[in-house]
Amino acid sequence: MSWRKRFLVFLAILLVLSGLTALCSPFAIARGLRAWLRWVGEREGVQVEIGKITAPFLQPVTLDRLVIKPASEKARAVELQAARVTLDFNFRGWIFTKHARFVHAIAVAQLRASVRQGHQRGAEKLDWRNLARLLPDEFRFTDVDLDVSTAATAFRFRGLSFTASAVEAGKFFARAIFVTSPVLRKNFC
C-alpha cells in the first residue's frame, strides 16, 4: 500500500472516530455527570436527585430539577432544590493547562436552599478543598431563597440574585433579608 493510500485511510478513520465522538459525547457526558454527582453525594453524606440532563455537543450542560438532601440523620443538614442549573465546562483548559478551573461558568435559577448547623456530634467536617476545586470562573444565581441557621442565629434571604466573575465585580440584590439572634432581630426589606 502506497504512502498516499495509507494517509487517506488514516484520515478516513480519524473522520469516522471524530463523528462517533460527536454523536456519543452528549450521552457520555450526561451519564458521567449523573454518576459523578451521586458518587460525590454518597461520600459527603447527601442524596442527589437529578431530573433531565441535556448535554449538547460543545455546548453548556443543563440539569433540570436538581435536589440535594441529607441521606441520614448523621448527614449534613443541607437541602438544595434548583429548577435549572447550567454548567459550562472548560475541557480544553483542564486538559492542556495545569491551573485552569474545570467549570468555566455556572448559572442557577430558582434555588431553594436551607443550611442548618446545630450541635450534631455525628456530622463530619466539610472538605472545603473539594468545593474550592469546583469554583467556577463566573457564576449567576437568580431567584434564590436561602435559610442559614445555627444554634443561636438565623439568616433568611428572599429573592436573592447575585453574579460574580474572576475579571469584574459582581452584583448583589436581595428583596428581603431577615436576621434573628439573641442580641438582634432585624428585617431589611
Protein backbone atom coordinates (compact mmCIF):
# COMPACT_ATOMS: atom_id res chain seq x y z
CA MET A 1 0.00 0.00 0.00
CA SER A 2 1.41 3.33 -1.00
CA TRP A 3 2.03 6.20 1.37
CA ARG A 4 -0.83 8.23 -0.10
CA LYS A 5 -3.37 5.41 0.38
CA ARG A 6 -2.24 4.88 3.98
CA PHE A 7 -2.63 8.57 4.65
CA LEU A 8 -6.16 8.63 3.16
CA VAL A 9 -7.18 5.54 5.19
CA PHE A 10 -5.80 7.21 8.33
CA LEU A 11 -7.79 10.40 7.58
CA ALA A 12 -10.95 8.37 6.94
CA ILE A 13 -10.56 6.51 10.24
CA LEU A 14 -9.90 9.80 12.03
CA LEU A 15 -13.01 11.34 10.45
CA VAL A 16 -15.19 8.36 11.44
CA LEU A 17 -13.85 8.43 15.02
CA SER A 18 -14.49 12.19 15.24
CA GLY A 19 -18.06 11.68 14.07
CA LEU A 20 -18.63 8.89 16.59
CA THR A 21 -17.20 11.07 19.36
CA ALA A 22 -19.52 13.93 18.42
CA LEU A 23 -22.53 11.60 18.38
CA CYS A 24 -21.72 9.80 21.65
CA SER A 25 -20.38 12.68 23.74
CA PRO A 26 -23.78 14.08 24.87
CA PHE A 27 -24.79 10.66 26.17
CA ALA A 28 -21.40 10.03 27.81
CA ILE A 29 -21.27 13.46 29.47
CA ALA A 30 -24.83 13.18 30.82
CA ARG A 31 -24.29 9.67 32.20
CA GLY A 32 -20.86 10.53 33.58
CA LEU A 33 -22.10 13.71 35.29
CA ARG A 34 -25.04 11.88 36.87
CA ALA A 35 -22.78 9.08 38.19
CA TRP A 36 -20.16 11.54 39.47
CA LEU A 37 -22.73 13.67 41.33
CA ARG A 38 -24.21 10.60 43.02
CA TRP A 39 -20.75 9.31 43.97
CA VAL A 40 -19.69 12.66 45.49
CA GLY A 41 -23.05 12.90 47.27
CA GLU A 42 -22.54 9.49 48.89
CA ARG A 43 -19.05 10.50 50.03
CA GLU A 44 -20.36 13.73 51.57
CA GLY A 45 -23.43 12.12 53.17
CA VAL A 46 -26.12 13.66 50.97
CA GLN A 47 -28.56 12.24 48.47
CA VAL A 48 -28.52 13.75 44.96
CA GLU A 49 -31.53 13.55 42.64
CA ILE A 50 -31.33 14.86 39.10
CA GLY A 51 -34.17 15.24 36.65
CA LYS A 52 -33.27 15.62 32.99
CA ILE A 53 -29.70 16.32 31.82
CA THR A 54 -29.24 17.99 28.44
CA ALA A 55 -25.66 17.88 27.14
CA PRO A 56 -25.42 19.08 23.52
CA PHE A 57 -22.07 18.70 21.78
CA LEU A 58 -19.66 21.57 22.67
CA GLN A 59 -22.44 23.48 24.48
CA PRO A 60 -23.18 24.09 28.18
CA VAL A 61 -24.80 21.22 30.11
CA THR A 62 -28.25 21.85 31.62
CA LEU A 63 -29.62 19.99 34.64
CA ASP A 64 -33.36 20.31 35.21
CA ARG A 65 -34.58 19.78 38.80
CA LEU A 66 -31.51 19.20 40.95
CA VAL A 67 -32.29 18.14 44.54
CA ILE A 68 -29.68 17.63 47.25
CA LYS A 69 -30.89 16.48 50.67
CA PRO A 70 -29.47 14.68 53.74
CA ALA A 71 -29.11 10.93 53.31
CA SER A 72 -29.46 10.09 57.02
CA GLU A 73 -29.77 11.71 60.44
CA LYS A 74 -25.97 11.95 60.77
CA ALA A 75 -25.64 13.55 57.34
CA ARG A 76 -25.12 17.19 56.59
CA ALA A 77 -28.05 19.46 57.29
CA VAL A 78 -28.03 20.92 53.78
CA GLU A 79 -31.02 20.90 51.47
CA LEU A 80 -30.96 22.36 47.97
CA GLN A 81 -33.57 22.42 45.23
CA ALA A 82 -32.83 24.09 41.93
CA ALA A 83 -35.19 24.26 38.98
CA ARG A 84 -32.39 24.67 36.45
CA VAL A 85 -28.58 24.52 36.64
CA THR A 86 -26.46 25.33 33.59
CA LEU A 87 -22.78 24.31 33.64
CA ASP A 88 -20.22 25.42 31.07
CA PHE A 89 -17.24 23.08 31.35
CA ASN A 90 -13.69 24.05 30.38
CA PHE A 91 -12.42 20.74 28.97
CA ARG A 92 -9.75 22.35 26.79
CA GLY A 93 -8.26 24.38 29.66
CA TRP A 94 -8.50 21.45 32.07
CA ILE A 95 -6.65 19.12 29.69
CA PHE A 96 -3.99 21.50 28.37
CA THR A 97 -3.42 23.87 31.32
CA LYS A 98 -2.29 22.95 34.79
CA HIS A 99 -4.19 25.57 36.82
CA ALA A 100 -7.38 26.05 34.78
CA ARG A 101 -10.73 25.62 36.50
CA PHE A 102 -12.85 22.73 35.24
CA VAL A 103 -16.14 24.66 35.48
CA HIS A 104 -15.96 27.87 33.44
CA ALA A 105 -19.44 29.20 34.27
CA ILE A 106 -22.48 28.19 36.28
CA ALA A 107 -25.99 29.64 36.19
CA VAL A 108 -28.64 28.58 38.72
CA ALA A 109 -32.30 29.60 38.53
CA GLN A 110 -34.95 29.24 41.25
CA LEU A 111 -32.79 27.86 44.04
CA ARG A 112 -34.30 26.99 47.43
CA ALA A 113 -31.58 26.25 49.99
CA SER A 114 -31.52 25.51 53.69
CA VAL A 115 -28.36 25.11 55.76
CA ARG A 116 -28.72 24.17 59.43
CA GLN A 117 -25.78 23.96 61.77
CA GLY A 118 -26.65 22.65 65.19
CA HIS A 119 -24.87 20.74 67.89
CA GLN A 120 -24.63 17.50 65.95
CA ARG A 121 -21.94 15.17 67.25
CA GLY A 122 -22.03 12.64 64.41
CA ALA A 123 -21.69 15.04 61.48
CA GLU A 124 -18.32 15.12 59.74
CA LYS A 125 -16.47 18.27 58.83
CA LEU A 126 -16.92 19.59 55.31
CA ASP A 127 -13.98 19.12 52.94
CA TRP A 128 -13.54 22.67 51.64
CA ARG A 129 -10.83 21.62 49.17
CA ASN A 130 -13.43 19.78 47.06
CA LEU A 131 -15.62 22.88 46.97
CA ALA A 132 -12.65 25.11 46.08
CA ARG A 133 -11.86 22.88 43.08
CA LEU A 134 -15.41 23.30 41.80
CA LEU A 135 -15.49 27.12 41.99
CA PRO A 136 -16.24 28.48 38.53
CA ASP A 137 -14.64 31.45 36.78
CA GLU A 138 -18.04 33.15 36.73
CA PHE A 139 -21.46 32.43 38.18
CA ARG A 140 -25.01 33.77 38.18
CA PHE A 141 -27.72 32.88 40.70
CA THR A 142 -31.26 34.20 40.24
CA ASP A 143 -34.39 33.92 42.40
CA VAL A 144 -32.71 32.34 45.44
CA ASP A 145 -34.39 31.73 48.81
CA LEU A 146 -31.70 30.90 51.36
CA ASP A 147 -32.10 29.96 55.03
CA VAL A 148 -28.97 29.68 57.17
CA SER A 149 -29.40 28.81 60.84
CA THR A 150 -27.04 27.96 63.67
CA ALA A 151 -27.83 27.18 67.29
CA ALA A 152 -28.27 30.89 68.13
CA THR A 153 -28.58 32.85 64.88
CA ALA A 154 -30.74 32.62 61.77
CA PHE A 155 -30.44 34.43 58.43
CA ARG A 156 -33.13 34.33 55.76
CA PHE A 157 -32.65 35.78 52.29
CA ARG A 158 -35.62 36.09 49.91
CA GLY A 159 -35.45 36.98 46.22
CA LEU A 160 -31.67 36.88 46.19
CA SER A 161 -29.81 37.43 42.92
CA PHE A 162 -26.07 37.69 42.55
CA THR A 163 -23.39 37.40 39.92
CA ALA A 164 -19.61 37.27 40.09
CA SER A 165 -16.69 36.87 37.77
CA ALA A 166 -12.94 36.48 38.06
CA VAL A 167 -12.50 39.58 35.90
CA GLU A 168 -15.14 42.09 37.04
CA ALA A 169 -17.04 42.98 40.18
CA GLY A 170 -20.33 41.20 40.71
CA LYS A 171 -23.83 42.37 41.57
CA PHE A 172 -25.88 41.51 44.66
CA PHE A 173 -29.60 42.09 45.17
CA ALA A 174 -31.94 40.78 47.86
CA ARG A 175 -35.65 41.51 48.05
CA ALA A 176 -35.67 40.83 51.82
CA ILE A 177 -33.13 39.88 54.50
CA PHE A 178 -34.16 38.68 57.96
CA VAL A 179 -31.66 38.39 60.82
CA THR A 180 -32.60 36.78 64.13
CA SER A 181 -30.20 36.34 67.04
CA PRO A 182 -30.33 36.72 70.83
CA VAL A 183 -29.00 40.29 70.52
CA LEU A 184 -30.50 41.43 67.21
CA ARG A 185 -33.79 40.95 65.39
CA LYS A 186 -33.95 42.95 62.18
CA ASN A 187 -35.78 42.81 58.85
CA PHE A 188 -34.35 44.51 55.78
CA CYS A 189 -36.99 44.81 53.08
